[in-house]
Amino acid sequence: MNTRPEFGANDGFLSGLIAGGVIGAGFAMAFAPRVASEIRQRVRALATELRHAAFDTGHTTNNRARGKR
């Protein structure tokens, strides 16, 4: 690694690397909790829909078995 002052490119690269890491970590922290809560909400909604569909199917099957329509 060249650390001679006349080349000076290492200082800018290191500053950019640190700044990019800090900005990236900030975005990750800002968006991660919201995404997890959205996933949980979608899974909960899909489970509720599945429960209702299973109930309706069971009810329909029961009525057909008893001769009702």
C-alpha atoms as a PDB file:
ATOM      1  CA  MET A   1       0.000   0.000   0.000  1.00  0.00           C
ATOM      2  CA  ASN A   2       1.407   3.341  -0.973  1.00  0.00           C
ATOM      3  CA  THR A   3       1.223   5.950   1.800  1.00  0.00           C
ATOM      4  CA  ARG A   4       3.437   8.620   0.229  1.00  0.00           C
ATOM      5  CA  PRO A   5       1.904  12.107   0.468  1.00  0.00           C
ATOM      6  CA  GLU A   6       2.521  12.934  -3.202  1.00  0.00           C
ATOM      7  CA  PHE A   7       0.055  10.249  -4.305  1.00  0.00           C
ATOM      8  CA  GLY A   8      -2.724  11.186  -1.824  1.00  0.00           C
ATOM      9  CA  ALA A   9      -5.326   8.795  -3.306  1.00  0.00           C
ATOM     10  CA  ASN A  10      -5.409   6.595  -0.212  1.00  0.00           C
ATOM     11  CA  ASP A  11      -6.905   9.340   1.966  1.00  0.00           C
ATOM     12  CA  GLY A  12      -9.889   9.867  -0.320  1.00  0.00           C
ATOM     13  CA  PHE A  13     -10.498   6.166  -0.754  1.00  0.00           C
ATOM     14  CA  LEU A  14     -10.430   5.509   2.982  1.00  0.00           C
ATOM     15  CA  SER A  15     -12.765   8.454   3.678  1.00  0.00           C
ATOM     16  CA  GLY A  16     -15.176   7.248   1.012  1.00  0.00           C
ATOM     17  CA  LEU A  17     -15.047   3.695   2.344  1.00  0.00           C
ATOM     18  CA  ILE A  18     -15.840   4.826   5.899  1.00  0.00           C
ATOM     19  CA  ALA A  19     -18.587   7.211   4.758  1.00  0.00           C
ATOM     20  CA  GLY A  20     -20.156   4.521   2.564  1.00  0.00           C
ATOM     21  CA  GLY A  21     -20.097   2.036   5.430  1.00  0.00           C
ATOM     22  CA  VAL A  22     -21.759   4.495   7.801  1.00  0.00           C
ATOM     23  CA  ILE A  23     -24.423   5.454   5.266  1.00  0.00           C
ATOM     24  CA  GLY A  24     -25.080   1.816   4.374  1.00  0.00           C
ATOM     25  CA  ALA A  25     -25.416   0.841   8.036  1.00  0.00           C
ATOM     26  CA  GLY A  26     -27.833   3.727   8.576  1.00  0.00           C
ATOM     27  CA  PHE A  27     -30.026   2.602   5.694  1.00  0.00           C
ATOM     28  CA  ALA A  28     -29.950  -0.988   6.919  1.00  0.00           C
ATOM     29  CA  MET A  29     -31.034   0.057  10.403  1.00  0.00           C
ATOM     30  CA  ALA A  30     -33.730   2.374   9.060  1.00  0.00           C
ATOM     31  CA  PHE A  31     -35.362  -0.125   6.718  1.00  0.00           C
ATOM     32  CA  ALA A  32     -34.873  -3.501   8.423  1.00  0.00           C
ATOM     33  CA  PRO A  33     -37.480  -3.178  11.218  1.00  0.00           C
ATOM     34  CA  ARG A  34     -40.141  -1.876   8.863  1.00  0.00           C
ATOM     35  CA  VAL A  35     -39.581  -4.694   6.399  1.00  0.00           C
ATOM     36  CA  ALA A  36     -39.801  -7.322   9.157  1.00  0.00           C
ATOM     37  CA  SER A  37     -43.061  -5.870  10.450  1.00  0.00           C
ATOM     38  CA  GLU A  38     -44.511  -5.815   6.932  1.00  0.00           C
ATOM     39  CA  ILE A  39     -43.573  -9.468   6.440  1.00  0.00           C
ATOM     40  CA  ARG A  40     -45.195 -10.417   9.745  1.00  0.00           C
ATOM     41  CA  GLN A  41     -48.330  -8.484   8.778  1.00  0.00           C
ATOM     42  CA  ARG A  42     -48.528 -10.213   5.382  1.00  0.00           C
ATOM     43  CA  VAL A  43     -48.022 -13.651   6.921  1.00  0.00           C
ATOM     44  CA  ARG A  44     -50.736 -12.919   9.490  1.00  0.00           C
ATOM     45  CA  ALA A  45     -53.142 -11.777   6.757  1.00  0.00           C
ATOM     46  CA  LEU A  46     -52.429 -14.837   4.618  1.00  0.00           C
ATOM     47  CA  ALA A  47     -52.945 -17.145   7.615  1.00  0.00           C
ATOM     48  CA  THR A  48     -56.289 -15.491   8.309  1.00  0.00           C
ATOM     49  CA  GLU A  49     -57.348 -15.887   4.675  1.00  0.00           C
ATOM     50  CA  LEU A  50     -56.306 -19.541   4.739  1.00  0.00           C
ATOM     51  CA  ARG A  51     -58.251 -20.140   7.943  1.00  0.00           C
ATOM     52  CA  HIS A  52     -61.390 -18.592   6.437  1.00  0.00           C
ATOM     53  CA  ALA A  53     -61.002 -20.566   3.206  1.00  0.00           C
ATOM     54  CA  ALA A  54     -60.575 -23.806   5.148  1.00  0.00           C
ATOM     55  CA  PHE A  55     -63.661 -23.033   7.245  1.00  0.00           C
ATOM     56  CA  ASP A  56     -65.731 -22.250   4.149  1.00  0.00           C
ATOM     57  CA  THR A  57     -64.564 -25.421   2.404  1.00  0.00           C
ATOM     58  CA  GLY A  58     -65.351 -27.516   5.476  1.00  0.00           C
ATOM     59  CA  HIS A  59     -68.782 -25.924   5.811  1.00  0.00           C
ATOM     60  CA  THR A  60     -69.566 -26.536   2.126  1.00  0.00           C
ATOM     61  CA  THR A  61     -68.380 -30.136   2.325  1.00  0.00           C
ATOM     62  CA  ASN A  62     -70.438 -30.741   5.454  1.00  0.00           C
ATOM     63  CA  ASN A  63     -73.574 -29.329   3.813  1.00  0.00           C
ATOM     64  CA  ARG A  64     -73.069 -31.483   0.701  1.00  0.00           C
ATOM     65  CA  ALA A  65     -72.595 -34.596   2.840  1.00  0.00           C
ATOM     66  CA  ARG A  66     -75.889 -33.886   4.607  1.00  0.00           C
ATOM     67  CA  GLY A  67     -77.716 -33.309   1.328  1.00  0.00           C
ATOM     68  CA  LYS A  68     -78.042 -29.515   1.669  1.00  0.00           C
ATOM     69  CA  ARG A  69     -76.896 -27.052  -0.921  1.00  0.00           C
END
